[in-house]
Amino acid sequence: MSEIKVSKLRRFNLIVAVLHAAQGIAVLILSKNFSLPVTANYLDYNKNSQHLFAAQHTLFNLSLPWLVAIFFFLSAAFHLAVATFYNKTYVVNLERGLNKARWFEYSISASIMMVAIAMLVGVYDFSSLLMIFALVAIMNLSGLAMEVYNQGRPAVNWLAYKIGSLAGLVPWLVVATYFWATRFGNGHPPTFVYWIFVSIFVFFSCFALNMYLQYKRVGKWANYLYGERVYIWLSLIAKSLLAWQVFAGTLRP
């Protein structure tokens, strides 16, 4: 593996770490206070009617600016790690066509991003949010499994890729269902939330496309480092796009 390219990739990770951290700080400084409730749904009993009914209790309020800032700070920390103390292991893994740090970071940061999107359309139930978080985490850990289990294989095994794609699709179907359900009421999510849904879904899909092109060895993607750079760009753009759309639509003072 070219030392020059690895050196450039190290600098790129440092630059992206700074950009992520700076945006996280900016969101906290510029945003107004805005919280959304996280609730628990349960069955309660009405003694007068002697019937069970669906009830709801607010467990806590979640700060949207902090939710956005956290996925920026997580990304910054991981990019800083692979550019500094974890760099030797990072380079060795890249030579094998593997980046464990990427998938562990995505399993947390992308899951938080999806939770934020879900809450913007009215998904407040703690259990539902937990399942959305877990499914997105499974999707990204399936990416790790894809890279680990295809080490040294003459033919690509796509099972982990297919499982991850299926797991990642479900949270988007949940959010789409909430959009659809607004037809039964008098309101609907603000326009910026629709733009978030479309734009971030496209970028999430591009991650899967990037992996597909890597394993099909299409053009520049035959070089694993090219796909690695694309992952870094996609992560930066997707997080920035989500954060500033949320800021413009909800968090502006």
Protein backbone atom coordinates (compact mmCIF):
# COMPACT_ATOMS: atom_id res chain seq x y z
CA MET A 1 0.00 0.00 0.00
CA SER A 2 1.41 3.37 -0.99
CA GLU A 3 2.84 5.27 1.99
CA ILE A 4 1.98 8.55 0.23
CA LYS A 5 -1.69 7.62 -0.06
CA VAL A 6 -1.79 6.41 3.54
CA SER A 7 -0.18 9.66 4.66
CA LYS A 8 -2.79 11.68 2.75
CA LEU A 9 -5.55 9.59 4.31
CA ARG A 10 -4.16 10.30 7.77
CA ARG A 11 -4.22 14.06 7.11
CA PHE A 12 -7.72 13.73 5.68
CA ASN A 13 -8.93 12.04 8.87
CA LEU A 14 -7.40 14.82 10.96
CA ILE A 15 -9.09 17.51 8.86
CA VAL A 16 -12.45 15.74 9.02
CA ALA A 17 -12.09 15.29 12.80
CA VAL A 18 -11.71 19.06 13.15
CA LEU A 19 -14.67 19.73 10.84
CA HIS A 20 -16.92 17.36 12.80
CA ALA A 21 -15.88 18.81 16.16
CA ALA A 22 -16.26 22.40 14.96
CA GLN A 23 -19.78 21.73 13.70
CA GLY A 24 -20.76 20.03 16.96
CA ILE A 25 -19.57 23.05 18.93
CA ALA A 26 -21.31 25.43 16.50
CA VAL A 27 -24.62 23.59 16.87
CA LEU A 28 -24.46 23.87 20.68
CA ILE A 29 -23.51 27.56 20.59
CA LEU A 30 -25.96 28.70 17.91
CA SER A 31 -29.02 26.57 18.70
CA LYS A 32 -31.91 27.56 20.88
CA ASN A 33 -33.03 25.17 23.59
CA PHE A 34 -35.32 22.57 22.08
CA SER A 35 -36.30 19.25 23.62
CA LEU A 36 -38.53 16.40 22.56
CA PRO A 37 -40.23 13.95 24.95
CA VAL A 38 -39.26 10.30 25.23
CA THR A 39 -42.29 8.40 26.42
CA ALA A 40 -43.36 4.98 27.67
CA ASN A 41 -46.66 3.51 26.48
CA TYR A 42 -48.48 1.06 28.71
CA LEU A 43 -51.89 -0.36 29.57
CA ASP A 44 -53.78 1.22 32.47
CA TYR A 45 -57.08 0.33 34.10
CA ASN A 46 -60.07 2.63 34.42
CA LYS A 47 -61.91 1.66 37.59
CA ASN A 48 -65.06 3.53 36.59
CA SER A 49 -65.50 1.93 33.17
CA GLN A 50 -63.66 -1.24 34.22
CA HIS A 51 -61.75 -1.28 30.97
CA LEU A 52 -58.08 -1.26 30.04
CA PHE A 53 -56.88 1.72 28.04
CA ALA A 54 -53.66 2.81 26.39
CA ALA A 55 -51.74 5.32 28.53
CA GLN A 56 -48.53 7.24 28.13
CA HIS A 57 -45.92 8.63 30.49
CA THR A 58 -43.05 11.01 29.66
CA LEU A 59 -39.81 9.43 30.85
CA PHE A 60 -37.56 12.39 30.08
CA ASN A 61 -36.99 15.17 27.57
CA LEU A 62 -34.16 14.80 25.05
CA SER A 63 -32.26 17.89 23.92
CA LEU A 64 -32.21 17.99 20.11
CA PRO A 65 -29.09 20.23 19.90
CA TRP A 66 -27.18 17.77 22.08
CA LEU A 67 -28.47 14.82 20.08
CA VAL A 68 -27.12 16.44 16.91
CA ALA A 69 -23.84 17.48 18.55
CA ILE A 70 -23.20 14.01 19.95
CA PHE A 71 -22.99 12.34 16.53
CA PHE A 72 -20.57 15.06 15.43
CA PHE A 73 -18.37 14.55 18.50
CA LEU A 74 -18.41 10.77 18.11
CA SER A 75 -17.25 11.08 14.52
CA ALA A 76 -14.57 13.57 15.50
CA ALA A 77 -13.26 11.24 18.21
CA PHE A 78 -13.05 8.22 15.90
CA HIS A 79 -11.39 10.15 13.05
CA LEU A 80 -8.89 11.60 15.52
CA ALA A 81 -8.18 8.10 16.86
CA VAL A 82 -7.45 6.57 13.44
CA ALA A 83 -5.18 9.52 12.63
CA THR A 84 -3.19 9.26 15.89
CA PHE A 85 -2.82 6.45 18.42
CA TYR A 86 -4.87 3.91 16.42
CA ASN A 87 -3.21 4.76 13.10
CA LYS A 88 -0.87 1.75 12.87
CA THR A 89 -3.73 -0.69 13.40
CA TYR A 90 -5.88 1.35 11.02
CA VAL A 91 -3.28 1.08 8.25
CA VAL A 92 -2.76 -2.66 8.81
CA ASN A 93 -6.53 -3.20 8.60
CA LEU A 94 -6.81 -1.08 5.44
CA GLU A 95 -4.24 -3.34 3.80
CA ARG A 96 -6.60 -6.23 4.55
CA GLY A 97 -9.64 -4.37 3.18
CA LEU A 98 -11.04 -3.74 6.64
CA ASN A 99 -11.85 -0.76 8.87
CA LYS A 100 -13.30 -1.84 12.21
CA ALA A 101 -13.26 1.70 13.63
CA ARG A 102 -15.54 2.94 10.85
CA TRP A 103 -18.24 0.38 11.52
CA PHE A 104 -18.16 0.79 15.30
CA GLU A 105 -18.47 4.57 14.89
CA TYR A 106 -21.30 4.27 12.37
CA SER A 107 -23.13 1.78 14.60
CA ILE A 108 -23.46 4.56 17.19
CA SER A 109 -23.48 7.82 15.23
CA ALA A 110 -25.75 6.69 12.38
CA SER A 111 -28.13 5.15 14.94
CA ILE A 112 -28.34 8.48 16.79
CA MET A 113 -28.97 10.24 13.47
CA MET A 114 -31.85 7.89 12.73
CA VAL A 115 -33.30 8.40 16.21
CA ALA A 116 -33.23 12.18 15.62
CA ILE A 117 -35.04 11.79 12.29
CA ALA A 118 -37.63 9.49 13.87
CA MET A 119 -38.32 11.94 16.69
CA LEU A 120 -38.84 14.76 14.20
CA VAL A 121 -41.82 12.87 12.72
CA GLY A 122 -43.30 12.05 16.12
CA VAL A 123 -41.72 8.74 17.18
CA TYR A 124 -41.39 9.37 20.91
CA ASP A 125 -41.96 5.91 22.38
CA PHE A 126 -38.77 4.71 24.10
CA SER A 127 -39.17 1.12 22.94
CA SER A 128 -39.64 2.18 19.32
CA LEU A 129 -36.63 4.49 19.47
CA LEU A 130 -34.55 1.72 21.03
CA MET A 131 -35.49 -0.68 18.23
CA ILE A 132 -34.69 1.94 15.58
CA PHE A 133 -31.31 2.53 17.21
CA ALA A 134 -30.61 -1.22 17.40
CA LEU A 135 -31.61 -1.93 13.79
CA VAL A 136 -29.35 0.81 12.42
CA ALA A 137 -26.53 -0.46 14.65
CA ILE A 138 -27.09 -3.99 13.31
CA MET A 139 -27.00 -2.64 9.76
CA ASN A 140 -23.57 -1.11 10.35
CA LEU A 141 -22.20 -4.07 12.28
CA SER A 142 -23.29 -6.18 9.32
CA GLY A 143 -20.94 -3.99 7.27
CA LEU A 144 -18.17 -5.01 9.66
CA ALA A 145 -19.18 -8.66 9.30
CA MET A 146 -19.11 -8.26 5.52
CA GLU A 147 -15.51 -7.07 5.62
CA VAL A 148 -14.38 -9.61 8.23
CA TYR A 149 -15.95 -12.69 6.64
CA ASN A 150 -14.74 -11.86 3.14
CA GLN A 151 -11.09 -11.78 4.15
CA GLY A 152 -9.17 -13.94 1.67
CA ARG A 153 -12.30 -15.35 -0.02
CA PRO A 154 -11.99 -16.03 -3.75
CA ALA A 155 -15.69 -15.23 -4.17
CA VAL A 156 -17.63 -12.56 -2.26
CA ASN A 157 -20.21 -13.76 0.26
CA TRP A 158 -23.05 -11.21 0.21
CA LEU A 159 -25.11 -12.61 3.12
CA ALA A 160 -24.03 -9.97 5.67
CA TYR A 161 -24.65 -7.25 3.09
CA LYS A 162 -28.21 -8.47 2.49
CA ILE A 163 -28.98 -8.82 6.19
CA GLY A 164 -27.61 -5.34 6.89
CA SER A 165 -29.61 -3.81 4.05
CA LEU A 166 -32.81 -5.40 5.37
CA ALA A 167 -32.15 -4.25 8.94
CA GLY A 168 -31.37 -0.72 7.74
CA LEU A 169 -34.51 -0.47 5.63
CA VAL A 170 -36.95 -1.10 8.51
CA PRO A 171 -36.36 2.20 10.40
CA TRP A 172 -37.01 4.13 7.19
CA LEU A 173 -40.28 2.21 6.73
CA VAL A 174 -41.24 3.15 10.29
CA VAL A 175 -40.58 6.84 9.59
CA ALA A 176 -42.45 6.60 6.27
CA THR A 177 -45.41 5.08 8.12
CA TYR A 178 -45.53 8.08 10.45
CA PHE A 179 -45.54 10.38 7.41
CA TRP A 180 -48.38 8.34 5.90
CA ALA A 181 -50.35 8.34 9.18
CA THR A 182 -50.61 12.14 9.13
CA ARG A 183 -53.38 11.73 6.54
CA PHE A 184 -55.67 10.68 9.41
CA GLY A 185 -55.14 13.93 11.28
CA ASN A 186 -55.18 17.64 10.62
CA GLY A 187 -51.45 18.26 10.75
CA HIS A 188 -48.29 17.05 9.11
CA PRO A 189 -44.52 17.35 9.68
CA PRO A 190 -42.97 20.64 8.49
CA THR A 191 -41.50 20.71 4.99
CA PHE A 192 -37.89 20.56 6.17
CA VAL A 193 -38.54 17.13 7.72
CA TYR A 194 -39.59 15.77 4.32
CA TRP A 195 -36.34 17.11 2.86
CA ILE A 196 -34.40 15.43 5.67
CA PHE A 197 -36.16 12.14 4.99
CA VAL A 198 -35.32 12.19 1.28
CA SER A 199 -31.78 13.58 1.47
CA ILE A 200 -30.51 11.41 4.34
CA PHE A 201 -32.15 8.29 2.89
CA VAL A 202 -30.26 8.95 -0.36
CA PHE A 203 -26.96 9.36 1.50
CA PHE A 204 -27.55 6.27 3.66
CA SER A 205 -28.19 4.35 0.43
CA CYS A 206 -24.90 5.67 -0.98
CA PHE A 207 -23.01 3.91 1.82
CA ALA A 208 -24.46 0.59 0.66
CA LEU A 209 -23.66 1.49 -2.94
CA ASN A 210 -20.08 2.33 -2.01
CA MET A 211 -19.61 -1.09 -0.43
CA TYR A 212 -21.22 -2.79 -3.44
CA LEU A 213 -18.83 -1.01 -5.82
CA GLN A 214 -15.87 -1.92 -3.59
CA TYR A 215 -16.64 -5.63 -3.64
CA LYS A 216 -17.51 -5.59 -7.33
CA ARG A 217 -14.16 -3.80 -7.85
CA VAL A 218 -15.68 -1.27 -10.22
CA GLY A 219 -13.20 1.27 -11.61
CA LYS A 220 -11.46 3.27 -8.87
CA TRP A 221 -13.27 1.20 -6.22
CA ALA A 222 -10.89 -1.67 -7.01
CA ASN A 223 -8.53 0.23 -4.69
CA TYR A 224 -9.90 -0.13 -1.14
CA LEU A 225 -8.45 3.26 -0.18
CA TYR A 226 -10.67 4.97 -2.73
CA GLY A 227 -13.76 3.47 -1.11
CA GLU A 228 -12.42 4.50 2.29
CA ARG A 229 -12.19 8.13 1.17
CA VAL A 230 -15.72 7.94 -0.20
CA TYR A 231 -16.97 6.63 3.17
CA ILE A 232 -15.34 9.56 4.94
CA TRP A 233 -16.86 12.09 2.52
CA LEU A 234 -20.31 10.48 2.77
CA SER A 235 -20.17 10.52 6.56
CA LEU A 236 -19.17 14.18 6.69
CA ILE A 237 -21.76 15.31 4.15
CA ALA A 238 -24.64 13.24 5.58
CA LYS A 239 -24.04 14.41 9.16
CA SER A 240 -23.58 18.04 8.08
CA LEU A 241 -26.70 17.94 5.91
CA LEU A 242 -28.84 16.49 8.68
CA ALA A 243 -27.50 18.85 11.34
CA TRP A 244 -27.97 22.07 9.42
CA GLN A 245 -31.37 21.09 8.05
CA VAL A 246 -32.48 20.44 11.63
CA PHE A 247 -30.92 23.75 12.70
CA ALA A 248 -32.61 25.70 9.89
CA GLY A 249 -35.98 24.09 10.56
CA THR A 250 -36.07 23.86 14.36
CA LEU A 251 -33.05 25.13 16.25
CA ARG A 252 -32.58 28.66 14.92
CA PRO A 253 -32.97 31.27 17.71
